Amino acid sequence: MKQPAFFLPHGGGPCFFLNEQGPMPHEWRHMGEFLARVIADLSERPKAMLVISGHWEEKRFTVHRGERPSLLFDYAGFPAHTYQLEWNAPGAPELADRAAALLDAAGLPAGEETKRGWDHGVFIPLKVAVPEADIPVVQLSLRQDLDPAAHVAAGRALAPLRDEGVLIVGSGMSFHNMAARDGRVQRIADEFDNALTAAVEDPDPASREVRLIRWHDLPHARTAHPREEHLLPLMVVAGAGADGPGRNIFRDHVIGWTVSAFRFG
């Protein structure tokens, strides 16, 4: 069965696991409950996942083709137990090769590597969504130039994977400004989120693509994203789901931000 493509929020650092014993912290519980359902509620479990995180950039799109990647604890200042987390899903080298070939065929030369661990944009949300760690995963980097059109094109090139049972996941945050983390930014965050949702849900494919590529023209865009690495996974997902409009499937308010998730297909 054809899989959808998701843009998912991955929270802040190991936010869902701050309490070593006990429930998720209250502020992150709503998001955690959403992540726990998002794959479980699919009509068919994906054969594998291709994940694009806002925490990996390379000069060219690069796939991780390791068989059993380690975890990269690329956050700081959190409780000691959050650096002992485990999530041991297998890699999928054949899927990595397939993704690289699709990118190459689309004129987007792709690199491969085997040593980098999965960053927290991968293992933190997926540890919530797939606690059994039983779905193979391939991670794809962003391209360092942060060109939104190139990331939409990469998603379009990877779209055939959806017909092969692969779930394409963009992991980021729809609002990401570490200097604006209180209630004073709430109105701005709401206005940006409303405009971003309208762009994602635009039924006209050409208009939708232009509005997303020109995301910086949306209200308060550079307040929402002083640097756009956490938004660009959405561009890949939108390209992969370009056969139809997306829809907002989750909205929450955390640390003063408005945070949304989107589904295509």
C-alpha atoms as a PDB file:
ATOM      1  CA  MET A   1       0.000   0.000   0.000  1.00  0.00           C
ATOM      2  CA  LYS A   2       1.229   3.488  -0.826  1.00  0.00           C
ATOM      3  CA  GLN A   3       2.616   5.225   2.226  1.00  0.00           C
ATOM      4  CA  PRO A   4       2.058   8.901   3.057  1.00  0.00           C
ATOM      5  CA  ALA A   5       4.741  11.466   3.802  1.00  0.00           C
ATOM      6  CA  PHE A   6       4.854  13.213   7.181  1.00  0.00           C
ATOM      7  CA  PHE A   7       6.439  16.353   8.564  1.00  0.00           C
ATOM      8  CA  LEU A   8       6.734  15.751  12.305  1.00  0.00           C
ATOM      9  CA  PRO A   9       7.909  17.937  15.188  1.00  0.00           C
ATOM     10  CA  HIS A  10      10.765  16.356  17.120  1.00  0.00           C
ATOM     11  CA  GLY A  11      10.528  18.566  20.191  1.00  0.00           C
ATOM     12  CA  GLY A  12      13.493  20.005  22.054  1.00  0.00           C
ATOM     13  CA  GLY A  13      16.468  17.756  22.767  1.00  0.00           C
ATOM     14  CA  PRO A  14      15.331  14.591  24.610  1.00  0.00           C
ATOM     15  CA  CYS A  15      12.186  16.369  25.820  1.00  0.00           C
ATOM     16  CA  PHE A  16       9.923  13.306  25.952  1.00  0.00           C
ATOM     17  CA  PHE A  17      12.387  11.403  28.147  1.00  0.00           C
ATOM     18  CA  LEU A  18      13.382  14.010  30.730  1.00  0.00           C
ATOM     19  CA  ASN A  19      11.699  12.072  33.541  1.00  0.00           C
ATOM     20  CA  GLU A  20      13.764   8.916  34.010  1.00  0.00           C
ATOM     21  CA  GLN A  21      10.909   7.275  35.890  1.00  0.00           C
ATOM     22  CA  GLY A  22       7.422   8.510  35.209  1.00  0.00           C
ATOM     23  CA  PRO A  23       5.336  10.246  32.531  1.00  0.00           C
ATOM     24  CA  MET A  24       6.451  12.711  29.909  1.00  0.00           C
ATOM     25  CA  PRO A  25       6.851  16.301  31.098  1.00  0.00           C
ATOM     26  CA  HIS A  26       3.472  18.026  30.961  1.00  0.00           C
ATOM     27  CA  GLU A  27       4.441  20.606  28.326  1.00  0.00           C
ATOM     28  CA  TRP A  28       5.562  17.918  25.872  1.00  0.00           C
ATOM     29  CA  ARG A  29       2.877  15.334  26.640  1.00  0.00           C
ATOM     30  CA  HIS A  30       0.422  16.379  23.921  1.00  0.00           C
ATOM     31  CA  MET A  31       3.131  16.187  21.254  1.00  0.00           C
ATOM     32  CA  GLY A  32       4.377  12.881  22.632  1.00  0.00           C
ATOM     33  CA  GLU A  33       0.883  11.401  22.545  1.00  0.00           C
ATOM     34  CA  PHE A  34       0.530  12.483  18.914  1.00  0.00           C
ATOM     35  CA  LEU A  35       3.869  10.924  17.955  1.00  0.00           C
ATOM     36  CA  ALA A  36       2.914   7.693  19.715  1.00  0.00           C
ATOM     37  CA  ARG A  37      -0.142   7.389  17.450  1.00  0.00           C
ATOM     38  CA  VAL A  38       1.093   8.677  14.129  1.00  0.00           C
ATOM     39  CA  ILE A  39       2.568   5.437  12.772  1.00  0.00           C
ATOM     40  CA  ALA A  40       0.419   3.083  14.837  1.00  0.00           C
ATOM     41  CA  ASP A  41      -2.676   4.597  13.199  1.00  0.00           C
ATOM     42  CA  LEU A  42      -1.531   3.941   9.628  1.00  0.00           C
ATOM     43  CA  SER A  43      -3.671   1.427   7.742  1.00  0.00           C
ATOM     44  CA  GLU A  44      -0.515  -0.524   6.879  1.00  0.00           C
ATOM     45  CA  ARG A  45       2.774  -0.560   8.761  1.00  0.00           C
ATOM     46  CA  PRO A  46       5.611   0.772   6.556  1.00  0.00           C
ATOM     47  CA  LYS A  47       8.289  -1.595   5.316  1.00  0.00           C
ATOM     48  CA  ALA A  48      10.925   1.050   6.061  1.00  0.00           C
ATOM     49  CA  MET A  49      11.290   4.761   6.789  1.00  0.00           C
ATOM     50  CA  LEU A  50      13.360   7.418   5.056  1.00  0.00           C
ATOM     51  CA  VAL A  51      13.940  10.229   7.566  1.00  0.00           C
ATOM     52  CA  ILE A  52      15.180  13.756   6.870  1.00  0.00           C
ATOM     53  CA  SER A  53      16.271  15.539  10.042  1.00  0.00           C
ATOM     54  CA  GLY A  54      16.954  19.216  10.582  1.00  0.00           C
ATOM     55  CA  HIS A  55      20.163  18.214  12.366  1.00  0.00           C
ATOM     56  CA  TRP A  56      22.246  16.852   9.490  1.00  0.00           C
ATOM     57  CA  GLU A  57      23.630  18.945   6.641  1.00  0.00           C
ATOM     58  CA  GLU A  58      26.121  18.017   3.917  1.00  0.00           C
ATOM     59  CA  LYS A  59      27.387  19.765   0.774  1.00  0.00           C
ATOM     60  CA  ARG A  60      25.226  17.388  -1.246  1.00  0.00           C
ATOM     61  CA  PHE A  61      22.301  15.212  -0.266  1.00  0.00           C
ATOM     62  CA  THR A  62      23.774  12.228   1.568  1.00  0.00           C
ATOM     63  CA  VAL A  63      22.242   8.942   2.680  1.00  0.00           C
ATOM     64  CA  HIS A  64      23.351   6.922   5.676  1.00  0.00           C
ATOM     65  CA  ARG A  65      23.707   3.300   4.569  1.00  0.00           C
ATOM     66  CA  GLY A  66      24.931   1.748   7.807  1.00  0.00           C
ATOM     67  CA  GLU A  67      23.401  -1.537   8.901  1.00  0.00           C
ATOM     68  CA  ARG A  68      23.133  -0.728  12.624  1.00  0.00           C
ATOM     69  CA  PRO A  69      23.743   2.988  13.270  1.00  0.00           C
ATOM     70  CA  SER A  70      24.628   4.206  16.725  1.00  0.00           C
ATOM     71  CA  LEU A  71      22.901   7.176  18.382  1.00  0.00           C
ATOM     72  CA  LEU A  72      24.381  10.655  18.211  1.00  0.00           C
ATOM     73  CA  PHE A  73      23.584  12.527  21.438  1.00  0.00           C
ATOM     74  CA  ASP A  74      23.836  15.932  19.825  1.00  0.00           C
ATOM     75  CA  TYR A  75      22.251  17.905  22.667  1.00  0.00           C
ATOM     76  CA  ALA A  76      23.712  19.409  25.816  1.00  0.00           C
ATOM     77  CA  GLY A  77      22.705  20.299  29.349  1.00  0.00           C
ATOM     78  CA  PHE A  78      20.141  17.545  29.936  1.00  0.00           C
ATOM     79  CA  PRO A  79      19.946  14.917  32.708  1.00  0.00           C
ATOM     80  CA  ALA A  80      22.595  12.192  32.618  1.00  0.00           C
ATOM     81  CA  HIS A  81      20.120   9.400  31.859  1.00  0.00           C
ATOM     82  CA  THR A  82      19.159  11.063  28.555  1.00  0.00           C
ATOM     83  CA  TYR A  83      22.648  10.210  27.269  1.00  0.00           C
ATOM     84  CA  GLN A  84      22.011   6.527  27.937  1.00  0.00           C
ATOM     85  CA  LEU A  85      18.858   6.214  25.834  1.00  0.00           C
ATOM     86  CA  GLU A  86      18.661   3.297  23.426  1.00  0.00           C
ATOM     87  CA  TRP A  87      16.806   2.830  20.153  1.00  0.00           C
ATOM     88  CA  ASN A  88      18.213   0.021  18.076  1.00  0.00           C
ATOM     89  CA  ALA A  89      16.272   0.002  14.804  1.00  0.00           C
ATOM     90  CA  PRO A  90      18.169  -1.537  11.879  1.00  0.00           C
ATOM     91  CA  GLY A  91      19.451   0.457   8.964  1.00  0.00           C
ATOM     92  CA  ALA A  92      18.464  -0.365   5.383  1.00  0.00           C
ATOM     93  CA  PRO A  93      21.480  -0.197   3.039  1.00  0.00           C
ATOM     94  CA  GLU A  94      19.492  -1.332   0.001  1.00  0.00           C
ATOM     95  CA  LEU A  95      16.962   1.447   0.554  1.00  0.00           C
ATOM     96  CA  ALA A  96      19.830   3.915   0.961  1.00  0.00           C
ATOM     97  CA  ASP A  97      21.208   2.818  -2.413  1.00  0.00           C
ATOM     98  CA  ARG A  98      17.769   3.118  -3.998  1.00  0.00           C
ATOM     99  CA  ALA A  99      17.279   6.635  -2.599  1.00  0.00           C
ATOM    100  CA  ALA A 100      20.721   7.728  -3.805  1.00  0.00           C
ATOM    101  CA  ALA A 101      19.967   6.346  -7.287  1.00  0.00           C
ATOM    102  CA  LEU A 102      16.661   8.229  -7.452  1.00  0.00           C
ATOM    103  CA  LEU A 103      18.374  11.474  -6.468  1.00  0.00           C
ATOM    104  CA  ASP A 104      21.168  10.913  -8.982  1.00  0.00           C
ATOM    105  CA  ALA A 105      18.646  10.240 -11.752  1.00  0.00           C
ATOM    106  CA  ALA A 106      16.940  13.544 -10.944  1.00  0.00           C
ATOM    107  CA  GLY A 107      20.188  15.467 -11.355  1.00  0.00           C
ATOM    108  CA  LEU A 108      20.799  15.774  -7.624  1.00  0.00           C
ATOM    109  CA  PRO A 109      24.103  13.977  -7.002  1.00  0.00           C
ATOM    110  CA  ALA A 110      23.926  12.064  -3.728  1.00  0.00           C
ATOM    111  CA  GLY A 111      26.645  10.941  -1.368  1.00  0.00           C
ATOM    112  CA  GLU A 112      26.700   7.980   0.987  1.00  0.00           C
ATOM    113  CA  GLU A 113      28.245   7.435   4.399  1.00  0.00           C
ATOM    114  CA  THR A 114      28.213   4.728   7.085  1.00  0.00           C
ATOM    115  CA  LYS A 115      29.746   6.098  10.293  1.00  0.00           C
ATOM    116  CA  ARG A 116      27.530   8.938  11.503  1.00  0.00           C
ATOM    117  CA  GLY A 117      25.028   8.030  14.208  1.00  0.00           C
ATOM    118  CA  TRP A 118      21.360   8.930  14.095  1.00  0.00           C
ATOM    119  CA  ASP A 119      20.919  12.413  15.552  1.00  0.00           C
ATOM    120  CA  HIS A 120      18.186  13.297  18.007  1.00  0.00           C
ATOM    121  CA  GLY A 121      15.962  14.521  15.183  1.00  0.00           C
ATOM    122  CA  VAL A 122      15.698  10.841  14.239  1.00  0.00           C
ATOM    123  CA  PHE A 123      15.867   8.746  17.373  1.00  0.00           C
ATOM    124  CA  ILE A 124      13.962  10.975  19.819  1.00  0.00           C
ATOM    125  CA  PRO A 125      10.638  11.186  17.898  1.00  0.00           C
ATOM    126  CA  LEU A 126      10.951   7.647  16.540  1.00  0.00           C
ATOM    127  CA  LYS A 127      11.645   6.200  19.975  1.00  0.00           C
ATOM    128  CA  VAL A 128       8.186   7.546  20.852  1.00  0.00           C
ATOM    129  CA  ALA A 129       6.538   6.581  17.546  1.00  0.00           C
ATOM    130  CA  VAL A 130       8.155   3.134  17.140  1.00  0.00           C
ATOM    131  CA  PRO A 131       9.300   2.039  20.608  1.00  0.00           C
ATOM    132  CA  GLU A 132       9.822  -1.523  19.349  1.00  0.00           C
ATOM    133  CA  ALA A 133      12.519  -0.173  16.947  1.00  0.00           C
ATOM    134  CA  ASP A 134      11.431  -2.812  14.439  1.00  0.00           C
ATOM    135  CA  ILE A 135      11.123  -0.718  11.253  1.00  0.00           C
ATOM    136  CA  PRO A 136      14.336  -0.239   9.217  1.00  0.00           C
ATOM    137  CA  VAL A 137      15.431   3.380   8.853  1.00  0.00           C
ATOM    138  CA  VAL A 138      17.559   5.335   6.399  1.00  0.00           C
ATOM    139  CA  GLN A 139      18.509   8.925   7.178  1.00  0.00           C
ATOM    140  CA  LEU A 140      18.928  11.528   4.449  1.00  0.00           C
ATOM    141  CA  SER A 141      20.810  14.771   5.056  1.00  0.00           C
ATOM    142  CA  LEU A 142      19.743  18.251   4.137  1.00  0.00           C
ATOM    143  CA  ARG A 143      21.806  20.040   1.538  1.00  0.00           C
ATOM    144  CA  GLN A 144      24.059  22.639   3.093  1.00  0.00           C
ATOM    145  CA  ASP A 145      22.989  25.474   0.809  1.00  0.00           C
ATOM    146  CA  LEU A 146      19.468  25.238   2.324  1.00  0.00           C
ATOM    147  CA  ASP A 147      17.881  25.907  -1.079  1.00  0.00           C
ATOM    148  CA  PRO A 148      14.156  25.202  -0.618  1.00  0.00           C
ATOM    149  CA  ALA A 149      13.583  24.465  -4.314  1.00  0.00           C
ATOM    150  CA  ALA A 150      16.330  21.824  -4.280  1.00  0.00           C
ATOM    151  CA  HIS A 151      14.751  20.177  -1.258  1.00  0.00           C
ATOM    152  CA  VAL A 152      11.326  20.092  -2.925  1.00  0.00           C
ATOM    153  CA  ALA A 153      12.998  18.557  -5.980  1.00  0.00           C
ATOM    154  CA  ALA A 154      14.696  15.948  -3.794  1.00  0.00           C
ATOM    155  CA  GLY A 155      11.352  14.977  -2.330  1.00  0.00           C
ATOM    156  CA  ARG A 156       9.821  14.727  -5.797  1.00  0.00           C
ATOM    157  CA  ALA A 157      12.665  12.423  -6.860  1.00  0.00           C
ATOM    158  CA  LEU A 158      12.099  10.214  -3.814  1.00  0.00           C
ATOM    159  CA  ALA A 159       8.313  10.006  -4.227  1.00  0.00           C
ATOM    160  CA  PRO A 160       8.379   6.535  -5.902  1.00  0.00           C
ATOM    161  CA  LEU A 161       9.544   5.092  -2.584  1.00  0.00           C
ATOM    162  CA  ARG A 162       6.056   5.709  -1.197  1.00  0.00           C
ATOM    163  CA  ASP A 163       4.683   3.159  -3.692  1.00  0.00           C
ATOM    164  CA  GLU A 164       7.275   0.691  -2.407  1.00  0.00           C
ATOM    165  CA  GLY A 165       5.989   0.790   1.173  1.00  0.00           C
ATOM    166  CA  VAL A 166       8.460   3.390   2.454  1.00  0.00           C
ATOM    167  CA  LEU A 167       7.226   6.087   4.819  1.00  0.00           C
ATOM    168  CA  ILE A 168       8.978   9.410   4.165  1.00  0.00           C
ATOM    169  CA  VAL A 169       9.371  11.469   7.339  1.00  0.00           C
ATOM    170  CA  GLY A 170      10.615  15.028   7.668  1.00  0.00           C
ATOM    171  CA  SER A 171      11.684  15.683  11.250  1.00  0.00           C
ATOM    172  CA  GLY A 172      11.968  19.318  12.292  1.00  0.00           C
ATOM    173  CA  MET A 173       9.922  22.078  13.908  1.00  0.00           C
ATOM    174  CA  SER A 174       7.463  24.336  12.106  1.00  0.00           C
ATOM    175  CA  PHE A 175       8.609  27.183  14.398  1.00  0.00           C
ATOM    176  CA  HIS A 176      12.212  27.260  15.612  1.00  0.00           C
ATOM    177  CA  ASN A 177      13.677  30.367  17.193  1.00  0.00           C
ATOM    178  CA  MET A 178      15.699  29.647  20.310  1.00  0.00           C
ATOM    179  CA  ALA A 179      15.789  33.360  21.205  1.00  0.00           C
ATOM    180  CA  ALA A 180      11.982  33.604  21.320  1.00  0.00           C
ATOM    181  CA  ARG A 181      10.709  31.136  23.882  1.00  0.00           C
ATOM    182  CA  ASP A 182       7.926  32.770  25.878  1.00  0.00           C
ATOM    183  CA  GLY A 183       4.338  33.897  25.572  1.00  0.00           C
ATOM    184  CA  ARG A 184       5.264  37.208  23.948  1.00  0.00           C
ATOM    185  CA  VAL A 185       5.878  35.431  20.639  1.00  0.00           C
ATOM    186  CA  GLN A 186       2.596  33.477  20.664  1.00  0.00           C
ATOM    187  CA  ARG A 187       0.631  35.800  18.360  1.00  0.00           C
ATOM    188  CA  ILE A 188       3.502  35.899  15.857  1.00  0.00           C
ATOM    189  CA  ALA A 189       3.858  32.120  16.016  1.00  0.00           C
ATOM    190  CA  ASP A 190       0.128  31.651  15.422  1.00  0.00           C
ATOM    191  CA  GLU A 191       0.147  33.955  12.398  1.00  0.00           C
ATOM    192  CA  PHE A 192       3.126  32.218  10.851  1.00  0.00           C
ATOM    193  CA  ASP A 193       1.611  28.802  11.489  1.00  0.00           C
ATOM    194  CA  ASN A 194      -1.702  29.818   9.920  1.00  0.00           C
ATOM    195  CA  ALA A 195       0.109  31.050   6.803  1.00  0.00           C
ATOM    196  CA  LEU A 196       2.297  27.945   6.608  1.00  0.00           C
ATOM    197  CA  THR A 197      -0.746  25.688   6.959  1.00  0.00           C
ATOM    198  CA  ALA A 198      -2.538  27.604   4.192  1.00  0.00           C
ATOM    199  CA  ALA A 199       0.451  27.066   1.907  1.00  0.00           C
ATOM    200  CA  VAL A 200       0.627  23.335   2.693  1.00  0.00           C
ATOM    201  CA  GLU A 201      -3.116  22.917   2.147  1.00  0.00           C
ATOM    202  CA  ASP A 202      -3.271  24.935  -1.093  1.00  0.00           C
ATOM    203  CA  PRO A 203      -5.130  22.629  -3.532  1.00  0.00           C
ATOM    204  CA  ASP A 204      -3.331  24.016  -6.582  1.00  0.00           C
ATOM    205  CA  PRO A 205      -0.034  22.113  -6.937  1.00  0.00           C
ATOM    206  CA  ALA A 206       1.878  24.878  -8.714  1.00  0.00           C
ATOM    207  CA  SER A 207       0.728  27.521  -6.265  1.00  0.00           C
ATOM    208  CA  ARG A 208       1.442  25.256  -3.302  1.00  0.00           C
ATOM    209  CA  GLU A 209       5.000  24.642  -4.446  1.00  0.00           C
ATOM    210  CA  VAL A 210       5.697  28.337  -5.027  1.00  0.00           C
ATOM    211  CA  ARG A 211       4.283  29.315  -1.644  1.00  0.00           C
ATOM    212  CA  LEU A 212       6.411  26.734   0.148  1.00  0.00           C
ATOM    213  CA  ILE A 213       9.582  27.538  -1.777  1.00  0.00           C
ATOM    214  CA  ARG A 214       8.979  31.219  -0.973  1.00  0.00           C
ATOM    215  CA  TRP A 215       8.284  30.437   2.684  1.00  0.00           C
ATOM    216  CA  HIS A 216      10.365  33.507   3.630  1.00  0.00           C
ATOM    217  CA  ASP A 217       7.544  35.698   2.268  1.00  0.00           C
ATOM    218  CA  LEU A 218       5.107  34.334   4.865  1.00  0.00           C
ATOM    219  CA  PRO A 219       4.255  36.622   7.805  1.00  0.00           C
ATOM    220  CA  HIS A 220       7.009  36.688  10.447  1.00  0.00           C
ATOM    221  CA  ALA A 221       9.016  34.080   8.526  1.00  0.00           C
ATOM    222  CA  ARG A 222      12.431  35.105   9.805  1.00  0.00           C
ATOM    223  CA  THR A 223      11.144  35.350  13.359  1.00  0.00           C
ATOM    224  CA  ALA A 224       9.847  31.803  13.039  1.00  0.00           C
ATOM    225  CA  HIS A 225      13.066  30.572  11.427  1.00  0.00           C
ATOM    226  CA  PRO A 226      16.166  32.778  11.755  1.00  0.00           C
ATOM    227  CA  ARG A 227      17.829  29.824  10.020  1.00  0.00           C
ATOM    228  CA  GLU A 228      15.607  27.398   8.108  1.00  0.00           C
ATOM    229  CA  GLU A 229      17.194  24.006   8.729  1.00  0.00           C
ATOM    230  CA  HIS A 230      14.249  22.894  10.903  1.00  0.00           C
ATOM    231  CA  LEU A 231      11.719  23.840   8.205  1.00  0.00           C
ATOM    232  CA  LEU A 232      13.448  22.313   5.164  1.00  0.00           C
ATOM    233  CA  PRO A 233      12.436  18.724   5.979  1.00  0.00           C
ATOM    234  CA  LEU A 234       8.906  19.952   5.201  1.00  0.00           C
ATOM    235  CA  MET A 235      10.061  20.896   1.692  1.00  0.00           C
ATOM    236  CA  VAL A 236      11.293  17.352   1.053  1.00  0.00           C
ATOM    237  CA  VAL A 237       8.026  15.928   2.353  1.00  0.00           C
ATOM    238  CA  ALA A 238       5.983  18.337   0.225  1.00  0.00           C
ATOM    239  CA  GLY A 239       7.943  17.291  -2.852  1.00  0.00           C
ATOM    240  CA  ALA A 240       7.397  13.619  -2.050  1.00  0.00           C
ATOM    241  CA  GLY A 241       3.681  14.286  -1.586  1.00  0.00           C
ATOM    242  CA  ALA A 242       3.226  16.663  -4.505  1.00  0.00           C
ATOM    243  CA  ASP A 243       0.428  14.520  -5.977  1.00  0.00           C
ATOM    244  CA  GLY A 244      -1.997  16.201  -3.587  1.00  0.00           C
ATOM    245  CA  PRO A 245      -2.290  18.924  -0.955  1.00  0.00           C
ATOM    246  CA  GLY A 246      -1.094  18.349   2.558  1.00  0.00           C
ATOM    247  CA  ARG A 247      -3.110  18.822   5.708  1.00  0.00           C
ATOM    248  CA  ASN A 248      -2.386  19.943   9.221  1.00  0.00           C
ATOM    249  CA  ILE A 249      -2.799  16.889  11.474  1.00  0.00           C
ATOM    250  CA  PHE A 250      -1.514  18.289  14.776  1.00  0.00           C
ATOM    251  CA  ARG A 251      -1.095  21.692  16.394  1.00  0.00           C
ATOM    252  CA  ASP A 252       0.232  22.479  19.849  1.00  0.00           C
ATOM    253  CA  HIS A 253       1.688  25.366  21.839  1.00  0.00           C
ATOM    254  CA  VAL A 254       5.003  24.670  23.562  1.00  0.00           C
ATOM    255  CA  ILE A 255       7.587  27.082  25.058  1.00  0.00           C
ATOM    256  CA  GLY A 256       5.665  29.951  23.483  1.00  0.00           C
ATOM    257  CA  TRP A 257       5.768  28.432  19.992  1.00  0.00           C
ATOM    258  CA  THR A 258       2.972  27.202  17.734  1.00  0.00           C
ATOM    259  CA  VAL A 259       4.059  23.825  16.384  1.00  0.00           C
ATOM    260  CA  SER A 260       2.307  21.828  13.666  1.00  0.00           C
ATOM    261  CA  ALA A 261       2.632  18.490  11.903  1.00  0.00           C
ATOM    262  CA  PHE A 262       1.582  17.865   8.306  1.00  0.00           C
ATOM    263  CA  ARG A 263       0.607  14.848   6.269  1.00  0.00           C
ATOM    264  CA  PHE A 264       0.684  14.399   2.489  1.00  0.00           C
ATOM    265  CA  GLY A 265      -1.163  11.445   1.008  1.00  0.00           C
END
